[in-house]
Amino acid sequence: MNHVTRYGKCELSVKRVHRNLFLWGLLFSLLTACGFQFRGHCVFSLPIQTLSLESKQPDNSFSKALKQALEAAGVHVSSNTTAPVRLQILSQQFTRTMTSLGNAGQTTTYLLTYAISFQVIDCHHHVLLAPQPIQATRTFSMTSNQLLGDLNTENDLSDRMQQDVIQQLLIRLASKKLHQQLRYSTCSP
């Protein structure tokens, strides 16, 4: 009888595992069916085959990361200003603003902001996407006795904000509005 009871519990446990697997699979299916995606790099279908990336700081980490993201999306990035599409990064700014000071000056909280402004024009200088800002913000606390680790955390947050801004920029480049503007452009691809 004792053996049967153990077997019954084992069978009940297997049923519970199967039910949980089924429920997780159902949840995952529902989430992916509605378009949900986990955070990370997205694959974009951009209406642009070739573009010129223009920035006042072409060798900084943002410009390099943006170029890599554009190339990963299948866009040939050129330095030629006669390219059919010109993505102009008009400004880039990283700011750290103190928002609160903790007990005896031990912990300080900052608001980190990474902002850019950009526009898209064609080879005839016609505006395809008017100048517009994109920004990402994070809050960050710094403790005076863990300064080095906190500075590394700030650098990591800055990198993540930069990636967020790039993702937002790619979303805007994939917009229907830009796609329609490109259809009427007289610049050859």
Protein backbone atom coordinates (compact mmCIF):
# COMPACT_ATOMS: atom_id res chain seq x y z
CA MET A 1 0.00 0.00 0.00
CA ASN A 2 2.87 2.34 0.84
CA HIS A 3 4.36 1.65 -2.61
CA VAL A 4 1.05 2.55 -4.31
CA THR A 5 0.85 5.85 -2.40
CA ARG A 6 4.34 6.82 -3.55
CA TYR A 7 3.47 5.85 -7.10
CA GLY A 8 0.29 7.92 -6.90
CA LYS A 9 2.23 10.98 -5.69
CA CYS A 10 4.77 10.51 -8.46
CA GLU A 11 2.00 10.28 -11.04
CA LEU A 12 0.37 13.41 -9.59
CA SER A 13 3.71 15.24 -9.74
CA VAL A 14 4.21 14.28 -13.40
CA LYS A 15 0.72 15.56 -14.22
CA ARG A 16 1.51 18.83 -12.47
CA VAL A 17 4.74 19.22 -14.47
CA HIS A 18 2.89 18.53 -17.74
CA ARG A 19 0.17 21.02 -16.81
CA ASN A 20 2.76 23.70 -15.94
CA LEU A 21 4.63 23.10 -19.19
CA PHE A 22 1.37 23.39 -21.11
CA LEU A 23 0.43 26.64 -19.34
CA TRP A 24 3.87 28.18 -19.93
CA GLY A 25 3.72 27.16 -23.59
CA LEU A 26 0.26 28.67 -23.91
CA LEU A 27 1.41 31.91 -22.25
CA PHE A 28 4.44 32.13 -24.53
CA SER A 29 2.28 31.48 -27.60
CA LEU A 30 -0.17 34.20 -26.60
CA LEU A 31 2.60 36.71 -25.95
CA THR A 32 4.32 36.09 -29.27
CA ALA A 33 0.99 36.10 -31.13
CA CYS A 34 0.28 39.66 -29.97
CA GLY A 35 3.73 40.88 -31.06
CA PHE A 36 5.43 40.87 -27.65
CA GLN A 37 9.22 40.64 -27.79
CA PHE A 38 11.77 40.57 -25.01
CA ARG A 39 14.05 43.59 -24.80
CA GLY A 40 17.12 43.47 -26.95
CA HIS A 41 18.12 44.10 -30.48
CA CYS A 42 15.30 44.10 -32.97
CA VAL A 43 15.58 43.30 -36.62
CA PHE A 44 14.24 46.12 -38.77
CA SER A 45 13.17 46.25 -42.36
CA LEU A 46 14.31 49.67 -43.46
CA PRO A 47 13.12 51.25 -46.72
CA ILE A 48 16.67 52.50 -47.32
CA GLN A 49 19.36 50.60 -49.21
CA THR A 50 22.15 53.18 -48.99
CA LEU A 51 22.55 56.23 -46.82
CA SER A 52 25.14 58.74 -45.81
CA LEU A 53 25.65 59.00 -42.05
CA GLU A 54 26.70 62.53 -41.18
CA SER A 55 27.73 63.62 -37.71
CA LYS A 56 29.88 66.30 -36.13
CA GLN A 57 31.56 63.48 -34.19
CA PRO A 58 31.86 60.62 -36.71
CA ASP A 59 34.36 58.62 -34.65
CA ASN A 60 32.58 58.58 -31.29
CA SER A 61 30.97 55.46 -29.84
CA PHE A 62 27.42 56.52 -30.79
CA SER A 63 28.26 57.01 -34.47
CA LYS A 64 30.11 53.70 -34.62
CA ALA A 65 27.27 51.81 -32.88
CA LEU A 66 24.68 53.47 -35.14
CA LYS A 67 26.66 52.50 -38.24
CA GLN A 68 26.84 48.88 -37.03
CA ALA A 69 23.08 48.82 -36.32
CA LEU A 70 22.28 50.24 -39.76
CA GLU A 71 24.54 47.70 -41.46
CA ALA A 72 22.94 44.89 -39.42
CA ALA A 73 19.58 46.11 -40.77
CA GLY A 74 20.89 45.69 -44.33
CA VAL A 75 21.71 49.33 -45.07
CA HIS A 76 24.94 50.23 -46.86
CA VAL A 77 26.42 53.17 -44.93
CA SER A 78 28.40 55.57 -47.10
CA SER A 79 30.39 58.70 -46.37
CA ASN A 80 29.35 60.08 -49.76
CA THR A 81 27.13 63.15 -49.29
CA THR A 82 25.48 62.50 -52.67
CA ALA A 83 23.89 59.29 -51.38
CA PRO A 84 20.13 59.10 -52.05
CA VAL A 85 19.40 59.42 -48.32
CA ARG A 86 21.38 61.41 -45.77
CA LEU A 87 20.93 60.78 -42.05
CA GLN A 88 22.24 63.83 -40.23
CA ILE A 89 22.91 63.63 -36.50
CA LEU A 90 22.48 67.28 -35.57
CA SER A 91 23.37 67.02 -31.88
CA GLN A 92 24.34 64.50 -29.21
CA GLN A 93 24.40 65.15 -25.49
CA PHE A 94 24.88 63.14 -22.32
CA THR A 95 23.94 64.91 -19.08
CA ARG A 96 24.04 63.97 -15.42
CA THR A 97 21.80 66.06 -13.15
CA MET A 98 21.82 65.70 -9.36
CA THR A 99 18.28 65.06 -8.14
CA SER A 100 18.84 64.29 -4.43
CA LEU A 101 21.54 64.15 -1.79
CA GLY A 102 21.29 61.41 0.84
CA ASN A 103 22.28 61.23 4.51
CA ALA A 104 25.49 63.08 5.35
CA GLY A 105 26.38 63.27 1.68
CA GLN A 106 26.77 59.48 1.43
CA THR A 107 24.40 58.71 -1.45
CA THR A 108 23.63 61.02 -4.32
CA THR A 109 20.94 60.33 -6.92
CA TYR A 110 21.35 61.53 -10.48
CA LEU A 111 19.16 61.70 -13.55
CA LEU A 112 21.15 60.53 -16.58
CA THR A 113 19.95 61.72 -19.99
CA TYR A 114 21.25 60.75 -23.42
CA ALA A 115 19.71 62.85 -26.18
CA ILE A 116 20.21 63.29 -29.90
CA SER A 117 18.58 65.35 -32.60
CA PHE A 118 18.49 64.13 -36.19
CA GLN A 119 16.95 64.71 -39.58
CA VAL A 120 16.78 62.80 -42.84
CA ILE A 121 17.22 64.56 -46.18
CA ASP A 122 17.61 63.36 -49.75
CA CYS A 123 20.38 64.11 -52.24
CA HIS A 124 18.63 67.37 -53.27
CA HIS A 125 18.46 68.56 -49.63
CA HIS A 126 14.68 67.97 -49.47
CA VAL A 127 13.64 67.14 -45.91
CA LEU A 128 12.28 63.59 -45.65
CA LEU A 129 12.04 63.57 -41.84
CA ALA A 130 12.15 66.97 -40.15
CA PRO A 131 14.60 67.55 -37.27
CA GLN A 132 13.41 65.64 -34.21
CA PRO A 133 14.80 64.70 -30.82
CA ILE A 134 15.19 61.28 -29.24
CA GLN A 135 16.21 60.79 -25.64
CA ALA A 136 16.61 58.09 -23.03
CA THR A 137 16.76 58.69 -19.27
CA ARG A 138 17.75 56.65 -16.24
CA THR A 139 18.09 57.36 -12.54
CA PHE A 140 21.33 56.44 -10.89
CA SER A 141 22.52 56.47 -7.27
CA MET A 142 26.16 56.94 -6.35
CA THR A 143 27.57 56.05 -2.93
CA SER A 144 30.75 57.78 -1.80
CA ASN A 145 32.32 54.55 -0.47
CA GLN A 146 31.68 52.60 -3.72
CA LEU A 147 32.73 55.25 -6.19
CA LEU A 148 34.61 53.01 -8.67
CA GLY A 149 31.82 50.44 -8.95
CA ASP A 150 29.22 53.17 -9.28
CA LEU A 151 31.18 54.84 -12.09
CA ASN A 152 31.27 51.50 -13.94
CA THR A 153 27.50 51.23 -13.45
CA GLU A 154 27.07 54.75 -14.82
CA ASN A 155 29.10 53.81 -17.91
CA ASP A 156 26.96 50.69 -18.41
CA LEU A 157 23.78 52.77 -18.11
CA SER A 158 25.18 55.26 -20.62
CA ASP A 159 25.86 52.44 -23.10
CA ARG A 160 22.34 51.04 -22.62
CA MET A 161 20.78 54.47 -23.11
CA GLN A 162 22.82 54.89 -26.28
CA GLN A 163 21.48 51.55 -27.56
CA ASP A 164 17.92 52.59 -26.65
CA VAL A 165 18.33 55.82 -28.64
CA ILE A 166 19.67 53.85 -31.62
CA GLN A 167 16.69 51.46 -31.45
CA GLN A 168 14.28 54.42 -31.37
CA LEU A 169 16.09 55.98 -34.33
CA LEU A 170 15.82 52.75 -36.34
CA ILE A 171 12.10 52.59 -35.56
CA ARG A 172 11.68 56.09 -36.97
CA LEU A 173 13.73 55.18 -40.04
CA ALA A 174 11.39 52.21 -40.59
CA SER A 175 8.32 54.47 -40.45
CA LYS A 176 5.67 54.52 -43.15
CA LYS A 177 6.10 58.29 -43.45
CA LEU A 178 9.74 57.96 -44.50
CA HIS A 179 8.88 55.05 -46.79
CA GLN A 180 6.27 57.21 -48.56
CA GLN A 181 8.67 60.16 -48.81
CA LEU A 182 11.30 57.93 -50.41
CA ARG A 183 8.83 56.75 -53.05
CA TYR A 184 8.52 60.33 -54.31
CA SER A 185 12.22 61.18 -54.11
CA THR A 186 13.97 61.76 -57.44
CA CYS A 187 17.32 60.56 -56.10
CA SER A 188 18.40 57.25 -57.59
CA PRO A 189 19.18 54.50 -55.05
